[in-house]
N, C-alpha and C. Protein backbone atom coordinates (compact mmCIF):
# COMPACT_ATOMS: atom_id res chain seq x y z
N MET A 1 0.83 -1.20 0.02
CA MET A 1 -0.01 0.01 0.01
C MET A 1 0.89 1.24 0.01
N ILE A 2 0.54 2.24 -0.77
CA ILE A 2 1.23 3.47 -0.84
C ILE A 2 0.57 4.48 0.12
N PRO A 3 1.35 5.15 0.94
CA PRO A 3 0.72 6.11 1.87
C PRO A 3 -0.09 7.19 1.11
N TYR A 4 -1.24 7.52 1.61
CA TYR A 4 -2.14 8.41 0.91
C TYR A 4 -1.46 9.75 0.55
N GLN A 5 -0.45 10.18 1.34
CA GLN A 5 0.21 11.46 1.05
C GLN A 5 0.96 11.39 -0.26
N HIS A 6 1.26 10.18 -0.73
CA HIS A 6 2.00 9.97 -1.99
C HIS A 6 1.21 9.58 -3.18
N VAL A 7 -0.15 9.66 -3.02
CA VAL A 7 -1.05 9.28 -4.06
C VAL A 7 -1.68 10.56 -4.63
N GLU A 8 -1.69 10.65 -5.97
CA GLU A 8 -2.33 11.82 -6.60
C GLU A 8 -3.82 11.81 -6.25
N ASP A 9 -4.37 12.91 -5.79
CA ASP A 9 -5.75 12.96 -5.46
C ASP A 9 -6.62 12.76 -6.67
N GLY A 10 -7.69 11.92 -6.50
CA GLY A 10 -8.62 11.65 -7.58
C GLY A 10 -9.70 12.75 -7.62
N ASN A 11 -10.70 12.53 -8.45
CA ASN A 11 -11.85 13.42 -8.48
C ASN A 11 -13.10 12.63 -8.80
N GLY A 12 -14.25 13.17 -8.57
CA GLY A 12 -15.49 12.44 -8.81
C GLY A 12 -15.92 11.70 -7.56
N THR A 13 -16.73 10.67 -7.79
CA THR A 13 -17.37 9.96 -6.68
C THR A 13 -16.40 9.08 -5.96
N ILE A 14 -16.52 9.06 -4.63
CA ILE A 14 -15.77 8.10 -3.78
C ILE A 14 -16.83 7.03 -3.46
N TRP A 15 -16.54 5.82 -3.85
CA TRP A 15 -17.59 4.77 -3.75
C TRP A 15 -17.55 4.03 -2.46
N LEU A 16 -16.35 3.60 -1.99
CA LEU A 16 -16.30 2.69 -0.84
C LEU A 16 -15.47 3.26 0.29
N ASN A 17 -15.82 2.80 1.48
CA ASN A 17 -15.13 3.20 2.72
C ASN A 17 -15.06 2.01 3.66
N SER A 18 -14.12 2.05 4.54
CA SER A 18 -13.99 1.03 5.62
C SER A 18 -14.02 -0.41 5.09
N ILE A 19 -13.22 -0.66 4.03
CA ILE A 19 -13.18 -2.01 3.49
C ILE A 19 -12.39 -2.95 4.41
N THR A 20 -12.93 -4.11 4.66
CA THR A 20 -12.31 -5.12 5.47
C THR A 20 -12.38 -6.47 4.77
N CYS A 21 -11.26 -7.04 4.48
CA CYS A 21 -11.15 -8.34 3.80
C CYS A 21 -10.52 -9.39 4.71
N SER A 22 -10.90 -10.69 4.41
CA SER A 22 -10.27 -11.78 5.16
C SER A 22 -9.01 -12.22 4.46
N GLY A 23 -8.91 -11.93 3.15
CA GLY A 23 -7.76 -12.33 2.35
C GLY A 23 -8.11 -13.49 1.39
N SER A 24 -9.25 -14.12 1.57
CA SER A 24 -9.66 -15.23 0.68
C SER A 24 -10.54 -14.76 -0.44
N GLU A 25 -10.94 -13.50 -0.45
CA GLU A 25 -11.80 -13.01 -1.50
C GLU A 25 -11.07 -12.89 -2.82
N HIS A 26 -11.83 -13.10 -3.92
CA HIS A 26 -11.27 -12.97 -5.26
C HIS A 26 -11.52 -11.62 -5.85
N LYS A 27 -12.43 -10.80 -5.26
CA LYS A 27 -12.71 -9.47 -5.69
C LYS A 27 -12.85 -8.60 -4.47
N LEU A 28 -12.36 -7.36 -4.62
CA LEU A 28 -12.48 -6.39 -3.53
C LEU A 28 -13.91 -6.16 -3.12
N ILE A 29 -14.84 -6.19 -4.07
CA ILE A 29 -16.25 -5.95 -3.83
C ILE A 29 -16.87 -7.03 -2.96
N ASN A 30 -16.17 -8.19 -2.83
CA ASN A 30 -16.64 -9.31 -2.00
C ASN A 30 -16.24 -9.14 -0.53
N CYS A 31 -15.42 -8.12 -0.22
CA CYS A 31 -15.03 -7.77 1.14
C CYS A 31 -16.20 -7.02 1.79
N SER A 32 -16.16 -6.91 3.07
CA SER A 32 -17.16 -6.01 3.68
C SER A 32 -16.73 -4.56 3.52
N TYR A 33 -17.72 -3.70 3.38
CA TYR A 33 -17.43 -2.28 3.16
C TYR A 33 -18.64 -1.40 3.50
N SER A 34 -18.41 -0.13 3.56
CA SER A 34 -19.48 0.82 3.77
C SER A 34 -19.56 1.71 2.55
N ILE A 35 -20.78 2.10 2.17
CA ILE A 35 -20.96 3.11 1.08
C ILE A 35 -21.12 4.52 1.67
N GLU A 36 -21.04 4.64 2.99
CA GLU A 36 -21.09 5.94 3.63
C GLU A 36 -19.70 6.59 3.52
N THR A 37 -19.63 7.55 2.62
CA THR A 37 -18.31 8.21 2.33
C THR A 37 -18.37 9.67 2.59
N SER A 38 -19.37 10.17 3.33
CA SER A 38 -19.48 11.61 3.55
C SER A 38 -18.26 12.16 4.34
N GLY A 39 -17.60 11.31 5.15
CA GLY A 39 -16.43 11.76 5.91
C GLY A 39 -15.15 11.58 5.13
N CYS A 40 -15.22 11.14 3.85
CA CYS A 40 -14.01 10.89 3.07
C CYS A 40 -13.73 12.11 2.19
N SER A 41 -12.47 12.24 1.80
CA SER A 41 -12.09 13.21 0.75
C SER A 41 -11.02 12.58 -0.12
N HIS A 42 -10.78 13.15 -1.26
CA HIS A 42 -9.80 12.60 -2.16
C HIS A 42 -8.37 12.66 -1.62
N TRP A 43 -8.17 13.43 -0.59
CA TRP A 43 -6.84 13.43 0.06
C TRP A 43 -6.50 12.05 0.61
N TYR A 44 -7.51 11.23 0.93
CA TYR A 44 -7.29 9.91 1.48
C TYR A 44 -7.50 8.75 0.46
N ASP A 45 -7.42 9.09 -0.83
CA ASP A 45 -7.57 8.05 -1.85
C ASP A 45 -6.51 6.97 -1.68
N VAL A 46 -6.90 5.72 -1.92
CA VAL A 46 -6.03 4.56 -1.70
C VAL A 46 -5.03 4.44 -2.89
N GLY A 47 -3.82 4.10 -2.59
CA GLY A 47 -2.81 3.76 -3.59
C GLY A 47 -2.26 2.40 -3.32
N VAL A 48 -1.99 1.63 -4.35
CA VAL A 48 -1.48 0.27 -4.22
C VAL A 48 -0.42 0.06 -5.25
N LYS A 49 0.67 -0.65 -4.89
CA LYS A 49 1.67 -1.03 -5.88
C LYS A 49 1.60 -2.57 -5.96
N CYS A 50 1.35 -3.07 -7.17
CA CYS A 50 1.20 -4.52 -7.40
C CYS A 50 2.42 -5.09 -8.12
N TYR A 51 2.64 -6.37 -7.92
CA TYR A 51 3.76 -7.08 -8.55
C TYR A 51 3.17 -8.26 -9.36
N LEU A 52 3.86 -8.62 -10.45
CA LEU A 52 3.41 -9.75 -11.26
C LEU A 52 3.53 -11.06 -10.51
N SER A 53 4.49 -11.18 -9.59
CA SER A 53 4.65 -12.38 -8.80
C SER A 53 5.08 -12.00 -7.35
N CYS A 54 4.71 -12.83 -6.44
CA CYS A 54 5.10 -12.61 -5.04
C CYS A 54 6.51 -13.12 -4.80
N PRO A 55 7.30 -12.44 -3.99
CA PRO A 55 8.64 -12.98 -3.69
C PRO A 55 8.50 -14.31 -2.98
N ALA A 56 9.27 -15.27 -3.41
CA ALA A 56 9.20 -16.58 -2.78
C ALA A 56 9.94 -16.59 -1.44
N GLU A 57 9.30 -17.06 -0.37
CA GLU A 57 9.90 -17.05 0.93
C GLU A 57 11.15 -17.86 1.00
N GLU A 58 11.27 -18.93 0.16
CA GLU A 58 12.48 -19.75 0.24
C GLU A 58 13.72 -19.01 -0.20
N HIS A 59 13.58 -17.86 -0.87
CA HIS A 59 14.73 -17.05 -1.29
C HIS A 59 15.09 -16.02 -0.22
N GLU A 60 14.24 -15.82 0.78
CA GLU A 60 14.53 -14.85 1.81
C GLU A 60 15.77 -15.21 2.57
N GLY A 61 16.72 -14.29 2.61
CA GLY A 61 17.96 -14.54 3.30
C GLY A 61 19.08 -15.10 2.48
N LEU A 62 18.83 -15.40 1.24
CA LEU A 62 19.93 -15.93 0.38
C LEU A 62 20.98 -14.83 0.26
N LEU A 63 22.23 -15.29 0.13
CA LEU A 63 23.36 -14.34 0.01
C LEU A 63 24.02 -14.59 -1.36
N ARG A 64 24.73 -13.55 -1.85
CA ARG A 64 25.53 -13.66 -3.05
C ARG A 64 26.64 -12.62 -3.01
N PHE A 65 27.72 -12.96 -3.74
CA PHE A 65 28.78 -12.01 -3.94
C PHE A 65 28.55 -11.29 -5.25
N ILE A 66 28.81 -9.99 -5.25
CA ILE A 66 28.89 -9.23 -6.48
C ILE A 66 30.37 -9.06 -6.70
N THR A 67 30.89 -9.73 -7.68
CA THR A 67 32.37 -9.82 -7.79
C THR A 67 32.87 -9.36 -9.18
N GLY A 68 34.18 -9.27 -9.20
CA GLY A 68 34.82 -9.01 -10.51
C GLY A 68 35.31 -10.31 -11.06
N SER A 69 36.61 -10.64 -10.76
CA SER A 69 37.16 -11.83 -11.39
C SER A 69 37.29 -13.00 -10.43
N THR A 70 37.11 -12.81 -9.14
CA THR A 70 37.22 -13.88 -8.15
C THR A 70 35.89 -14.19 -7.59
N GLU A 71 35.53 -15.49 -7.50
CA GLU A 71 34.19 -15.84 -7.10
C GLU A 71 33.96 -15.84 -5.55
N ASN A 72 35.03 -15.82 -4.76
CA ASN A 72 34.86 -15.91 -3.34
C ASN A 72 35.11 -14.61 -2.58
N ILE A 73 35.14 -13.48 -3.25
CA ILE A 73 35.36 -12.24 -2.61
C ILE A 73 34.57 -11.14 -3.32
N GLY A 74 34.08 -10.22 -2.54
CA GLY A 74 33.31 -9.09 -3.18
C GLY A 74 32.30 -8.55 -2.25
N ARG A 75 31.54 -7.66 -2.79
CA ARG A 75 30.46 -7.02 -2.00
C ARG A 75 29.37 -8.08 -1.76
N LEU A 76 28.90 -8.13 -0.51
CA LEU A 76 27.94 -9.13 -0.13
C LEU A 76 26.53 -8.55 -0.30
N GLU A 77 25.63 -9.30 -0.95
CA GLU A 77 24.24 -8.92 -1.07
C GLU A 77 23.36 -9.97 -0.47
N ILE A 78 22.21 -9.53 0.03
CA ILE A 78 21.22 -10.44 0.65
C ILE A 78 19.87 -10.21 -0.01
N ASN A 79 19.11 -11.33 -0.16
CA ASN A 79 17.80 -11.25 -0.69
C ASN A 79 16.87 -11.05 0.50
N TYR A 80 16.18 -9.92 0.53
CA TYR A 80 15.31 -9.55 1.66
C TYR A 80 14.01 -8.96 1.10
N ARG A 81 12.93 -9.48 1.53
CA ARG A 81 11.62 -9.04 0.99
C ARG A 81 11.52 -9.08 -0.52
N GLY A 82 12.17 -10.09 -1.09
CA GLY A 82 12.03 -10.32 -2.51
C GLY A 82 12.99 -9.49 -3.39
N GLU A 83 13.88 -8.73 -2.76
CA GLU A 83 14.82 -7.91 -3.55
C GLU A 83 16.24 -8.07 -3.04
N TRP A 84 17.18 -7.98 -3.96
CA TRP A 84 18.59 -8.09 -3.60
C TRP A 84 19.07 -6.68 -3.18
N GLY A 85 19.85 -6.60 -2.14
CA GLY A 85 20.42 -5.36 -1.66
C GLY A 85 21.67 -5.60 -0.86
N THR A 86 22.33 -4.54 -0.51
CA THR A 86 23.59 -4.65 0.24
C THR A 86 23.33 -4.68 1.77
N ILE A 87 24.40 -4.86 2.50
CA ILE A 87 24.32 -4.91 3.98
C ILE A 87 25.27 -3.81 4.52
N CYS A 88 24.80 -3.08 5.50
CA CYS A 88 25.64 -2.02 6.10
C CYS A 88 26.76 -2.66 6.88
N SER A 89 27.90 -2.08 6.84
CA SER A 89 29.05 -2.61 7.54
C SER A 89 29.09 -2.32 9.07
N SER A 90 28.21 -1.49 9.51
CA SER A 90 28.15 -1.14 10.95
C SER A 90 27.88 -2.39 11.76
N ARG A 91 28.80 -2.67 12.67
CA ARG A 91 28.74 -3.87 13.55
C ARG A 91 28.91 -5.18 12.81
N PHE A 92 29.29 -5.18 11.59
CA PHE A 92 29.52 -6.42 10.82
C PHE A 92 30.98 -6.74 10.95
N GLY A 93 31.27 -7.78 11.73
CA GLY A 93 32.70 -8.10 12.02
C GLY A 93 33.03 -9.50 11.55
N HIS A 94 34.07 -10.07 12.15
CA HIS A 94 34.62 -11.33 11.82
C HIS A 94 33.57 -12.49 11.98
N VAL A 95 32.87 -12.45 13.09
CA VAL A 95 31.87 -13.50 13.33
C VAL A 95 30.78 -13.49 12.30
N GLU A 96 30.32 -12.29 11.97
CA GLU A 96 29.23 -12.17 10.95
C GLU A 96 29.74 -12.62 9.58
N ALA A 97 30.97 -12.27 9.30
CA ALA A 97 31.60 -12.67 8.03
C ALA A 97 31.74 -14.20 8.00
N ALA A 98 32.10 -14.81 9.10
CA ALA A 98 32.18 -16.29 9.16
C ALA A 98 30.88 -16.97 8.89
N VAL A 99 29.79 -16.43 9.48
CA VAL A 99 28.44 -16.95 9.31
C VAL A 99 28.07 -16.82 7.80
N ALA A 100 28.35 -15.66 7.19
CA ALA A 100 28.03 -15.44 5.79
C ALA A 100 28.79 -16.42 4.92
N CYS A 101 30.06 -16.61 5.19
CA CYS A 101 30.89 -17.51 4.37
C CYS A 101 30.40 -18.94 4.51
N ARG A 102 30.06 -19.36 5.72
CA ARG A 102 29.53 -20.73 5.85
C ARG A 102 28.20 -20.86 5.08
N GLN A 103 27.34 -19.85 5.11
CA GLN A 103 26.07 -19.92 4.38
C GLN A 103 26.37 -20.04 2.88
N LEU A 104 27.41 -19.41 2.39
CA LEU A 104 27.75 -19.42 0.96
C LEU A 104 28.51 -20.69 0.57
N GLY A 105 28.83 -21.58 1.55
CA GLY A 105 29.48 -22.84 1.28
C GLY A 105 30.95 -22.86 1.44
N TYR A 106 31.53 -21.81 2.10
CA TYR A 106 32.93 -21.77 2.34
C TYR A 106 33.24 -22.17 3.79
N TRP A 107 34.41 -22.67 4.03
CA TRP A 107 34.73 -23.18 5.36
C TRP A 107 35.32 -22.15 6.27
N CYS A 108 36.02 -21.20 5.74
CA CYS A 108 36.79 -20.28 6.54
C CYS A 108 36.76 -18.90 5.97
N VAL A 109 36.98 -17.92 6.80
CA VAL A 109 37.06 -16.51 6.38
C VAL A 109 38.25 -15.88 7.06
N LEU A 110 38.99 -15.08 6.33
CA LEU A 110 40.02 -14.27 6.90
C LEU A 110 39.53 -12.85 7.02
N HIS A 111 39.65 -12.24 8.17
CA HIS A 111 39.19 -10.93 8.34
C HIS A 111 40.01 -9.98 7.48
N SER A 112 39.30 -9.22 6.69
CA SER A 112 40.00 -8.29 5.78
C SER A 112 39.45 -6.89 5.90
N THR A 113 40.30 -5.93 5.57
CA THR A 113 39.85 -4.54 5.60
C THR A 113 39.59 -4.09 4.19
N GLN A 114 39.00 -2.93 4.04
CA GLN A 114 38.65 -2.47 2.68
C GLN A 114 39.91 -2.34 1.81
N SER A 115 40.98 -1.91 2.40
CA SER A 115 42.23 -1.76 1.62
C SER A 115 42.73 -3.09 1.07
N GLN A 116 42.54 -4.18 1.86
CA GLN A 116 42.98 -5.49 1.37
C GLN A 116 42.08 -5.97 0.20
N ILE A 117 40.81 -5.64 0.27
CA ILE A 117 39.89 -6.04 -0.80
C ILE A 117 40.18 -5.29 -2.09
N ASP A 118 40.60 -4.03 -1.99
CA ASP A 118 40.87 -3.24 -3.20
C ASP A 118 42.06 -3.73 -4.00
N HIS A 119 42.98 -4.47 -3.36
CA HIS A 119 44.19 -4.87 -4.11
C HIS A 119 44.04 -6.20 -4.78
């Protein structure tokens, strides 16, 4: 759902209010709702962002290296909420690196600094 502050205001009739769904409905009109919209304004129009497919939960937490020429070193990315992204280095130390390396199928990690990675 997109916050109403970021949705362009509509115009014309506001049809539905107070929609409540169980999640099993195939149409929004099958949810419970009110047609009493006198307290509504277009400032509160609903916005939704839809995706063609849902992120698969089995991919949640997967790791990968974004590398150049070596497969076992590089910027670490994680799949979180269906998207790949980076991890902040704040509080990420040797123990966290060892866990990440084990998850990626490596046995050992040597603690390295940014200057060692650059060379």
